[in-house]
Amino acid sequence: VAASTGHSVVLVDTSEDILKKSVKGIEASLKRVSKKKFAEKPEDGEAFVQKVLKNISTSTDAASIVQGTDLVVEAIVENLKVKQDLFGALDKVAP
């Protein structure tokens, strides 16, 4: 949603494979949305998908990414200790 409104978004995970699957999933979702939203003009739908995807990048290095971000949205496993460790590490480097 943030990428579709023109914001730069960085997906962060522990492996490139997971990130590639995530981007493919986002692309598939965007294509479904664009098919409905741009039913009359499929070329506009494809342009929308490409525009949104250009706003999304990926990284496996959360610490370096948060140094220049305004907002972190966490979507990690529902394990309090893991969440606390993540935010503890990010708090040390985030502005």
PDB file of N, CA and C in Angstrom:
ATOM      1  N   VAL A   1       0.834  -1.188   0.000  1.00  0.00           N
ATOM      2  CA  VAL A   1       0.000   0.000   0.000  1.00  0.00           C
ATOM      3  C   VAL A   1       0.879   1.252   0.000  1.00  0.00           C
ATOM      4  N   ALA A   2       1.915   1.260   0.832  1.00  0.00           N
ATOM      5  CA  ALA A   2       2.794   2.432   0.879  1.00  0.00           C
ATOM      6  C   ALA A   2       3.480   2.645  -0.465  1.00  0.00           C
ATOM      7  N   ALA A   3       3.934   1.580  -1.086  1.00  0.00           N
ATOM      8  CA  ALA A   3       4.599   1.696  -2.390  1.00  0.00           C
ATOM      9  C   ALA A   3       3.639   2.204  -3.457  1.00  0.00           C
ATOM     10  N   SER A   4       2.377   1.838  -3.355  1.00  0.00           N
ATOM     11  CA  SER A   4       1.395   2.275  -4.358  1.00  0.00           C
ATOM     12  C   SER A   4       1.046   3.750  -4.222  1.00  0.00           C
ATOM     13  N   THR A   5       1.383   4.343  -3.069  1.00  0.00           N
ATOM     14  CA  THR A   5       1.131   5.771  -2.878  1.00  0.00           C
ATOM     15  C   THR A   5       2.400   6.598  -3.077  1.00  0.00           C
ATOM     16  N   GLY A   6       3.429   5.972  -3.655  1.00  0.00           N
ATOM     17  CA  GLY A   6       4.641   6.690  -4.010  1.00  0.00           C
ATOM     18  C   GLY A   6       5.752   6.664  -2.984  1.00  0.00           C
ATOM     19  N   HIS A   7       5.567   5.947  -1.892  1.00  0.00           N
ATOM     20  CA  HIS A   7       6.603   5.860  -0.868  1.00  0.00           C
ATOM     21  C   HIS A   7       7.616   4.771  -1.225  1.00  0.00           C
ATOM     22  N   SER A   8       8.868   5.017  -0.882  1.00  0.00           N
ATOM     23  CA  SER A   8       9.904   3.998  -1.049  1.00  0.00           C
ATOM     24  C   SER A   8       9.765   2.988   0.075  1.00  0.00           C
ATOM     25  N   VAL A   9       9.763   1.718  -0.290  1.00  0.00           N
ATOM     26  CA  VAL A   9       9.582   0.639   0.671  1.00  0.00           C
ATOM     27  C   VAL A   9      10.742  -0.344   0.518  1.00  0.00           C
ATOM     28  N   VAL A  10      11.281  -0.776   1.643  1.00  0.00           N
ATOM     29  CA  VAL A  10      12.324  -1.795   1.616  1.00  0.00           C
ATOM     30  C   VAL A  10      11.818  -2.994   2.407  1.00  0.00           C
ATOM     31  N   LEU A  11      11.725  -4.131   1.736  1.00  0.00           N
ATOM     32  CA  LEU A  11      11.387  -5.378   2.412  1.00  0.00           C
ATOM     33  C   LEU A  11      12.679  -5.960   2.946  1.00  0.00           C
ATOM     34  N   VAL A  12      12.675  -6.369   4.206  1.00  0.00           N
ATOM     35  CA  VAL A  12      13.871  -6.945   4.813  1.00  0.00           C
ATOM     36  C   VAL A  12      13.529  -8.324   5.329  1.00  0.00           C
ATOM     37  N   ASP A  13      14.388  -9.269   5.010  1.00  0.00           N
ATOM     38  CA  ASP A  13      14.237 -10.626   5.540  1.00  0.00           C
ATOM     39  C   ASP A  13      15.615 -11.247   5.637  1.00  0.00           C
ATOM     40  N   THR A  14      15.665 -12.470   6.124  1.00  0.00           N
ATOM     41  CA  THR A  14      16.948 -13.129   6.370  1.00  0.00           C
ATOM     42  C   THR A  14      17.550 -13.780   5.141  1.00  0.00           C
ATOM     43  N   SER A  15      16.771 -13.985   4.073  1.00  0.00           N
ATOM     44  CA  SER A  15      17.329 -14.634   2.885  1.00  0.00           C
ATOM     45  C   SER A  15      16.799 -14.006   1.602  1.00  0.00           C
ATOM     46  N   GLU A  16      17.641 -14.043   0.596  1.00  0.00           N
ATOM     47  CA  GLU A  16      17.256 -13.525  -0.722  1.00  0.00           C
ATOM     48  C   GLU A  16      16.104 -14.337  -1.315  1.00  0.00           C
ATOM     49  N   ASP A  17      16.091 -15.634  -1.062  1.00  0.00           N
ATOM     50  CA  ASP A  17      15.017 -16.478  -1.594  1.00  0.00           C
ATOM     51  C   ASP A  17      13.658 -16.053  -1.056  1.00  0.00           C
ATOM     52  N   ILE A  18      13.597 -15.794   0.230  1.00  0.00           N
ATOM     53  CA  ILE A  18      12.343 -15.341   0.837  1.00  0.00           C
ATOM     54  C   ILE A  18      11.927 -14.000   0.245  1.00  0.00           C
ATOM     55  N   LEU A  19      12.889 -13.107   0.065  1.00  0.00           N
ATOM     56  CA  LEU A  19      12.594 -11.790  -0.502  1.00  0.00           C
ATOM     57  C   LEU A  19      12.081 -11.901  -1.935  1.00  0.00           C
ATOM     58  N   LYS A  20      12.685 -12.764  -2.734  1.00  0.00           N
ATOM     59  CA  LYS A  20      12.237 -12.957  -4.120  1.00  0.00           C
ATOM     60  C   LYS A  20      10.798 -13.476  -4.140  1.00  0.00           C
ATOM     61  N   LYS A  21      10.488 -14.432  -3.264  1.00  0.00           N
ATOM     62  CA  LYS A  21       9.121 -14.963  -3.189  1.00  0.00           C
ATOM     63  C   LYS A  21       8.148 -13.869  -2.749  1.00  0.00           C
ATOM     64  N   SER A  22       8.578 -13.040  -1.821  1.00  0.00           N
ATOM     65  CA  SER A  22       7.719 -11.952  -1.339  1.00  0.00           C
ATOM     66  C   SER A  22       7.402 -10.965  -2.454  1.00  0.00           C
ATOM     67  N   VAL A  23       8.409 -10.580  -3.213  1.00  0.00           N
ATOM     68  CA  VAL A  23       8.200  -9.637  -4.312  1.00  0.00           C
ATOM     69  C   VAL A  23       7.302 -10.261  -5.375  1.00  0.00           C
ATOM     70  N   LYS A  24       7.480 -11.546  -5.664  1.00  0.00           N
ATOM     71  CA  LYS A  24       6.602 -12.218  -6.629  1.00  0.00           C
ATOM     72  C   LYS A  24       5.158 -12.228  -6.130  1.00  0.00           C
ATOM     73  N   GLY A  25       4.981 -12.451  -4.836  1.00  0.00           N
ATOM     74  CA  GLY A  25       3.640 -12.427  -4.256  1.00  0.00           C
ATOM     75  C   GLY A  25       3.008 -11.050  -4.338  1.00  0.00           C
ATOM     76  N   ILE A  26       3.799 -10.021  -4.067  1.00  0.00           N
ATOM     77  CA  ILE A  26       3.303  -8.649  -4.172  1.00  0.00           C
ATOM     78  C   ILE A  26       2.935  -8.340  -5.620  1.00  0.00           C
ATOM     79  N   GLU A  27       3.786  -8.752  -6.548  1.00  0.00           N
ATOM     80  CA  GLU A  27       3.505  -8.512  -7.963  1.00  0.00           C
ATOM     81  C   GLU A  27       2.204  -9.201  -8.393  1.00  0.00           C
ATOM     82  N   ALA A  28       2.010 -10.437  -7.961  1.00  0.00           N
ATOM     83  CA  ALA A  28       0.781 -11.157  -8.295  1.00  0.00           C
ATOM     84  C   ALA A  28      -0.442 -10.443  -7.721  1.00  0.00           C
ATOM     85  N   SER A  29      -0.319  -9.957  -6.500  1.00  0.00           N
ATOM     86  CA  SER A  29      -1.416  -9.234  -5.870  1.00  0.00           C
ATOM     87  C   SER A  29      -1.710  -7.936  -6.616  1.00  0.00           C
ATOM     88  N   LEU A  30      -0.664  -7.218  -6.992  1.00  0.00           N
ATOM     89  CA  LEU A  30      -0.843  -5.978  -7.744  1.00  0.00           C
ATOM     90  C   LEU A  30      -1.509  -6.236  -9.088  1.00  0.00           C
ATOM     91  N   LYS A  31      -1.160  -7.324  -9.723  1.00  0.00           N
ATOM     92  CA  LYS A  31      -1.768  -7.660 -11.016  1.00  0.00           C
ATOM     93  C   LYS A  31      -3.259  -7.950 -10.857  1.00  0.00           C
ATOM     94  N   ARG A  32      -3.622  -8.623  -9.768  1.00  0.00           N
ATOM     95  CA  ARG A  32      -5.048  -8.875  -9.514  1.00  0.00           C
ATOM     96  C   ARG A  32      -5.791  -7.558  -9.298  1.00  0.00           C
ATOM     97  N   VAL A  33      -5.192  -6.665  -8.512  1.00  0.00           N
ATOM     98  CA  VAL A  33      -5.807  -5.363  -8.253  1.00  0.00           C
ATOM     99  C   VAL A  33      -5.935  -4.565  -9.549  1.00  0.00           C
ATOM    100  N   SER A  34      -4.859  -4.543 -10.332  1.00  0.00           N
ATOM    101  CA  SER A  34      -4.872  -3.745 -11.553  1.00  0.00           C
ATOM    102  C   SER A  34      -5.854  -4.288 -12.581  1.00  0.00           C
ATOM    103  N   LYS A  35      -6.038  -5.602 -12.569  1.00  0.00           N
ATOM    104  CA  LYS A  35      -6.999  -6.206 -13.499  1.00  0.00           C
ATOM    105  C   LYS A  35      -8.412  -5.690 -13.235  1.00  0.00           C
ATOM    106  N   LYS A  36      -8.738  -5.509 -11.976  1.00  0.00           N
ATOM    107  CA  LYS A  36     -10.054  -4.980 -11.608  1.00  0.00           C
ATOM    108  C   LYS A  36     -10.106  -3.462 -11.763  1.00  0.00           C
ATOM    109  N   LYS A  37      -9.062  -2.803 -11.261  1.00  0.00           N
ATOM    110  CA  LYS A  37      -9.037  -1.345 -11.243  1.00  0.00           C
ATOM    111  C   LYS A  37      -8.920  -0.749 -12.647  1.00  0.00           C
ATOM    112  N   PHE A  38      -8.215  -1.438 -13.524  1.00  0.00           N
ATOM    113  CA  PHE A  38      -7.976  -0.936 -14.869  1.00  0.00           C
ATOM    114  C   PHE A  38      -8.548  -1.880 -15.922  1.00  0.00           C
ATOM    115  N   ALA A  39      -9.738  -2.395 -15.661  1.00  0.00           N
ATOM    116  CA  ALA A  39     -10.360  -3.360 -16.576  1.00  0.00           C
ATOM    117  C   ALA A  39     -10.517  -2.789 -17.981  1.00  0.00           C
ATOM    118  N   GLU A  40     -10.790  -1.510 -18.062  1.00  0.00           N
ATOM    119  CA  GLU A  40     -11.010  -0.856 -19.361  1.00  0.00           C
ATOM    120  C   GLU A  40      -9.693  -0.572 -20.098  1.00  0.00           C
ATOM    121  N   LYS A  41      -8.616  -0.414 -19.328  1.00  0.00           N
ATOM    122  CA  LYS A  41      -7.316  -0.065 -19.929  1.00  0.00           C
ATOM    123  C   LYS A  41      -6.208  -0.936 -19.326  1.00  0.00           C
ATOM    124  N   PRO A  42      -6.044  -2.165 -19.820  1.00  0.00           N
ATOM    125  CA  PRO A  42      -5.033  -3.065 -19.265  1.00  0.00           C
ATOM    126  C   PRO A  42      -3.613  -2.496 -19.299  1.00  0.00           C
ATOM    127  N   GLU A  43      -3.311  -1.662 -20.296  1.00  0.00           N
ATOM    128  CA  GLU A  43      -1.970  -1.082 -20.378  1.00  0.00           C
ATOM    129  C   GLU A  43      -1.719  -0.140 -19.199  1.00  0.00           C
ATOM    130  N   ASP A  44      -2.744   0.549 -18.734  1.00  0.00           N
ATOM    131  CA  ASP A  44      -2.611   1.394 -17.549  1.00  0.00           C
ATOM    132  C   ASP A  44      -2.392   0.539 -16.301  1.00  0.00           C
ATOM    133  N   GLY A  45      -3.012  -0.627 -16.294  1.00  0.00           N
ATOM    134  CA  GLY A  45      -2.834  -1.550 -15.178  1.00  0.00           C
ATOM    135  C   GLY A  45      -1.405  -2.041 -15.092  1.00  0.00           C
ATOM    136  N   GLU A  46      -0.817  -2.370 -16.236  1.00  0.00           N
ATOM    137  CA  GLU A  46       0.572  -2.823 -16.250  1.00  0.00           C
ATOM    138  C   GLU A  46       1.503  -1.697 -15.828  1.00  0.00           C
ATOM    139  N   ALA A  47       1.215  -0.480 -16.269  1.00  0.00           N
ATOM    140  CA  ALA A  47       2.024   0.671 -15.872  1.00  0.00           C
ATOM    141  C   ALA A  47       1.940   0.879 -14.353  1.00  0.00           C
ATOM    142  N   PHE A  48       0.747   0.700 -13.792  1.00  0.00           N
ATOM    143  CA  PHE A  48       0.547   0.821 -12.349  1.00  0.00           C
ATOM    144  C   PHE A  48       1.403  -0.211 -11.610  1.00  0.00           C
ATOM    145  N   VAL A  49       1.361  -1.448 -12.058  1.00  0.00           N
ATOM    146  CA  VAL A  49       2.135  -2.517 -11.414  1.00  0.00           C
ATOM    147  C   VAL A  49       3.620  -2.177 -11.444  1.00  0.00           C
ATOM    148  N   GLN A  50       4.119  -1.786 -12.595  1.00  0.00           N
ATOM    149  CA  GLN A  50       5.544  -1.469 -12.728  1.00  0.00           C
ATOM    150  C   GLN A  50       5.945  -0.265 -11.873  1.00  0.00           C
ATOM    151  N   LYS A  51       5.072   0.737 -11.814  1.00  0.00           N
ATOM    152  CA  LYS A  51       5.352   1.930 -11.011  1.00  0.00           C
ATOM    153  C   LYS A  51       5.463   1.572  -9.531  1.00  0.00           C
ATOM    154  N   VAL A  52       4.549   0.743  -9.061  1.00  0.00           N
ATOM    155  CA  VAL A  52       4.577   0.335  -7.653  1.00  0.00           C
ATOM    156  C   VAL A  52       5.820  -0.502  -7.374  1.00  0.00           C
ATOM    157  N   LEU A  53       6.129  -1.445  -8.251  1.00  0.00           N
ATOM    158  CA  LEU A  53       7.288  -2.311  -8.034  1.00  0.00           C
ATOM    159  C   LEU A  53       8.601  -1.521  -8.005  1.00  0.00           C
ATOM    160  N   LYS A  54       8.656  -0.411  -8.732  1.00  0.00           N
ATOM    161  CA  LYS A  54       9.858   0.425  -8.707  1.00  0.00           C
ATOM    162  C   LYS A  54      10.069   1.072  -7.340  1.00  0.00           C
ATOM    163  N   ASN A  55       9.013   1.174  -6.554  1.00  0.00           N
ATOM    164  CA  ASN A  55       9.109   1.763  -5.216  1.00  0.00           C
ATOM    165  C   ASN A  55       9.501   0.744  -4.151  1.00  0.00           C
ATOM    166  N   ILE A  56       9.685  -0.521  -4.563  1.00  0.00           N
ATOM    167  CA  ILE A  56       9.998  -1.591  -3.614  1.00  0.00           C
ATOM    168  C   ILE A  56      11.403  -2.116  -3.880  1.00  0.00           C
ATOM    169  N   SER A  57      12.195  -2.142  -2.830  1.00  0.00           N
ATOM    170  CA  SER A  57      13.508  -2.774  -2.913  1.00  0.00           C
ATOM    171  C   SER A  57      13.604  -3.786  -1.775  1.00  0.00           C
ATOM    172  N   THR A  58      14.679  -4.565  -1.771  1.00  0.00           N
ATOM    173  CA  THR A  58      14.828  -5.604  -0.755  1.00  0.00           C
ATOM    174  C   THR A  58      16.221  -5.542  -0.136  1.00  0.00           C
ATOM    175  N   SER A  59      16.342  -6.120   1.042  1.00  0.00           N
ATOM    176  CA  SER A  59      17.622  -6.188   1.731  1.00  0.00           C
ATOM    177  C   SER A  59      17.598  -7.304   2.769  1.00  0.00           C
ATOM    178  N   THR A  60      18.756  -7.836   3.042  1.00  0.00           N
ATOM    179  CA  THR A  60      18.902  -8.791   4.142  1.00  0.00           C
ATOM    180  C   THR A  60      19.623  -8.158   5.327  1.00  0.00           C
ATOM    181  N   ASP A  61      19.857  -6.856   5.266  1.00  0.00           N
ATOM    182  CA  ASP A  61      20.593  -6.147   6.312  1.00  0.00           C
ATOM    183  C   ASP A  61      19.722  -5.061   6.942  1.00  0.00           C
ATOM    184  N   ALA A  62      18.919  -5.461   7.910  1.00  0.00           N
ATOM    185  CA  ALA A  62      17.982  -4.537   8.545  1.00  0.00           C
ATOM    186  C   ALA A  62      18.703  -3.370   9.214  1.00  0.00           C
ATOM    187  N   ALA A  63      19.833  -3.627   9.833  1.00  0.00           N
ATOM    188  CA  ALA A  63      20.533  -2.577  10.569  1.00  0.00           C
ATOM    189  C   ALA A  63      20.951  -1.430   9.651  1.00  0.00           C
ATOM    190  N   SER A  64      21.421  -1.741   8.464  1.00  0.00           N
ATOM    191  CA  SER A  64      21.844  -0.665   7.563  1.00  0.00           C
ATOM    192  C   SER A  64      20.649   0.071   6.966  1.00  0.00           C
ATOM    193  N   ILE A  65      19.548  -0.618   6.768  1.00  0.00           N
ATOM    194  CA  ILE A  65      18.353  -0.015   6.166  1.00  0.00           C
ATOM    195  C   ILE A  65      17.699   0.970   7.119  1.00  0.00           C
ATOM    196  N   VAL A  66      17.560   0.620   8.390  1.00  0.00           N
ATOM    197  CA  VAL A  66      16.827   1.496   9.309  1.00  0.00           C
ATOM    198  C   VAL A  66      17.568   2.786   9.620  1.00  0.00           C
ATOM    199  N   GLN A  67      18.827   2.863   9.288  1.00  0.00           N
ATOM    200  CA  GLN A  67      19.584   4.091   9.539  1.00  0.00           C
ATOM    201  C   GLN A  67      19.020   5.270   8.759  1.00  0.00           C
ATOM    202  N   GLY A  68      18.333   5.001   7.653  1.00  0.00           N
ATOM    203  CA  GLY A  68      17.793   6.082   6.844  1.00  0.00           C
ATOM    204  C   GLY A  68      16.297   6.019   6.649  1.00  0.00           C
ATOM    205  N   THR A  69      15.583   5.359   7.552  1.00  0.00           N
ATOM    206  CA  THR A  69      14.135   5.239   7.386  1.00  0.00           C
ATOM    207  C   THR A  69      13.378   6.117   8.371  1.00  0.00           C
ATOM    208  N   ASP A  70      12.167   6.454   7.975  1.00  0.00           N
ATOM    209  CA  ASP A  70      11.282   7.228   8.845  1.00  0.00           C
ATOM    210  C   ASP A  70      10.320   6.344   9.622  1.00  0.00           C
ATOM    211  N   LEU A  71      10.076   5.151   9.099  1.00  0.00           N
ATOM    212  CA  LEU A  71       9.078   4.273   9.700  1.00  0.00           C
ATOM    213  C   LEU A  71       9.476   2.825   9.494  1.00  0.00           C
ATOM    214  N   VAL A  72       9.327   2.021  10.541  1.00  0.00           N
ATOM    215  CA  VAL A  72       9.558   0.585  10.456  1.00  0.00           C
ATOM    216  C   VAL A  72       8.242  -0.098  10.774  1.00  0.00           C
ATOM    217  N   VAL A  73       7.824  -0.969   9.877  1.00  0.00           N
ATOM    218  CA  VAL A  73       6.630  -1.779  10.110  1.00  0.00           C
ATOM    219  C   VAL A  73       7.114  -3.210  10.283  1.00  0.00           C
ATOM    220  N   GLU A  74       6.836  -3.769  11.420  1.00  0.00           N
ATOM    221  CA  GLU A  74       7.310  -5.101  11.753  1.00  0.00           C
ATOM    222  C   GLU A  74       6.254  -6.131  11.393  1.00  0.00           C
ATOM    223  N   ALA A  75       6.686  -7.194  10.742  1.00  0.00           N
ATOM    224  CA  ALA A  75       5.794  -8.319  10.429  1.00  0.00           C
ATOM    225  C   ALA A  75       6.572  -9.607  10.623  1.00  0.00           C
ATOM    226  N   ILE A  76       7.139  -9.753  11.796  1.00  0.00           N
ATOM    227  CA  ILE A  76       7.990 -10.900  12.114  1.00  0.00           C
ATOM    228  C   ILE A  76       7.146 -11.964  12.813  1.00  0.00           C
ATOM    229  N   VAL A  77       7.711 -13.122  12.986  1.00  0.00           N
ATOM    230  CA  VAL A  77       7.026 -14.237  13.642  1.00  0.00           C
ATOM    231  C   VAL A  77       6.481 -13.786  15.006  1.00  0.00           C
ATOM    232  N   GLU A  78       5.341 -14.348  15.370  1.00  0.00           N
ATOM    233  CA  GLU A  78       4.693 -13.973  16.637  1.00  0.00           C
ATOM    234  C   GLU A  78       5.373 -14.677  17.813  1.00  0.00           C
ATOM    235  N   ASN A  79       6.557 -14.164  18.132  1.00  0.00           N
ATOM    236  CA  ASN A  79       7.349 -14.680  19.248  1.00  0.00           C
ATOM    237  C   ASN A  79       7.935 -13.462  19.953  1.00  0.00           C
ATOM    238  N   LEU A  80       7.499 -13.229  21.176  1.00  0.00           N
ATOM    239  CA  LEU A  80       7.873 -12.012  21.891  1.00  0.00           C
ATOM    240  C   LEU A  80       9.386 -11.848  21.997  1.00  0.00           C
ATOM    241  N   LYS A  81      10.109 -12.884  22.297  1.00  0.00           N
ATOM    242  CA  LYS A  81      11.563 -12.798  22.435  1.00  0.00           C
ATOM    243  C   LYS A  81      12.207 -12.383  21.109  1.00  0.00           C
ATOM    244  N   VAL A  82      11.759 -12.956  20.008  1.00  0.00           N
ATOM    245  CA  VAL A  82      12.306 -12.616  18.692  1.00  0.00           C
ATOM    246  C   VAL A  82      12.006 -11.151  18.369  1.00  0.00           C
ATOM    247  N   LYS A  83      10.779 -10.705  18.662  1.00  0.00           N
ATOM    248  CA  LYS A  83      10.411  -9.306  18.430  1.00  0.00           C
ATOM    249  C   LYS A  83      11.267  -8.366  19.284  1.00  0.00           C
ATOM    250  N   GLN A  84      11.447  -8.706  20.549  1.00  0.00           N
ATOM    251  CA  GLN A  84      12.256  -7.876  21.437  1.00  0.00           C
ATOM    252  C   GLN A  84      13.706  -7.797  20.958  1.00  0.00           C
ATOM    253  N   ASP A  85      14.240  -8.913  20.492  1.00  0.00           N
ATOM    254  CA  ASP A  85      15.609  -8.923  19.972  1.00  0.00           C
ATOM    255  C   ASP A  85      15.719  -8.044  18.729  1.00  0.00           C
ATOM    256  N   LEU A  86      14.739  -8.154  17.841  1.00  0.00           N
ATOM    257  CA  LEU A  86      14.748  -7.352  16.617  1.00  0.00           C
ATOM    258  C   LEU A  86      14.704  -5.863  16.949  1.00  0.00           C
ATOM    259  N   PHE A  87      13.746  -5.464  17.752  1.00  0.00           N
ATOM    260  CA  PHE A  87      13.616  -4.046  18.069  1.00  0.00           C
ATOM    261  C   PHE A  87      14.779  -3.536  18.920  1.00  0.00           C
ATOM    262  N   GLY A  88      15.337  -4.384  19.748  1.00  0.00           N
ATOM    263  CA  GLY A  88      16.524  -3.993  20.506  1.00  0.00           C
ATOM    264  C   GLY A  88      17.685  -3.675  19.572  1.00  0.00           C
ATOM    265  N   ALA A  89      17.872  -4.513  18.565  1.00  0.00           N
ATOM    266  CA  ALA A  89      18.945  -4.292  17.601  1.00  0.00           C
ATOM    267  C   ALA A  89      18.667  -3.057  16.746  1.00  0.00           C
ATOM    268  N   LEU A  90      17.420  -2.896  16.306  1.00  0.00           N
ATOM    269  CA  LEU A  90      17.076  -1.750  15.458  1.00  0.00           C
ATOM    270  C   LEU A  90      17.140  -0.442  16.222  1.00  0.00           C
ATOM    271  N   ASP A  91      16.750  -0.454  17.486  1.00  0.00           N
ATOM    272  CA  ASP A  91      16.788   0.766  18.309  1.00  0.00           C
ATOM    273  C   ASP A  91      18.212   1.315  18.435  1.00  0.00           C
ATOM    274  N   LYS A  92      19.196   0.461  18.344  1.00  0.00           N
ATOM    275  CA  LYS A  92      20.585   0.902  18.467  1.00  0.00           C
ATOM    276  C   LYS A  92      21.065   1.678  17.252  1.00  0.00           C
ATOM    277  N   VAL A  93      20.448   1.444  16.094  1.00  0.00           N
ATOM    278  CA  VAL A  93      20.932   2.067  14.859  1.00  0.00           C
ATOM    279  C   VAL A  93      19.924   2.999  14.184  1.00  0.00           C
ATOM    280  N   ALA A  94      18.668   2.913  14.562  1.00  0.00           N
ATOM    281  CA  ALA A  94      17.639   3.739  13.933  1.00  0.00           C
ATOM    282  C   ALA A  94      17.689   5.171  14.483  1.00  0.00           C
ATOM    283  N   PRO A  95      17.378   6.147  13.620  1.00  0.00           N
ATOM    284  CA  PRO A  95      17.375   7.539  14.108  1.00  0.00           C
ATOM    285  C   PRO A  95      16.236   7.800  15.104  1.00  0.00           C
TER     286      PRO A  95
END
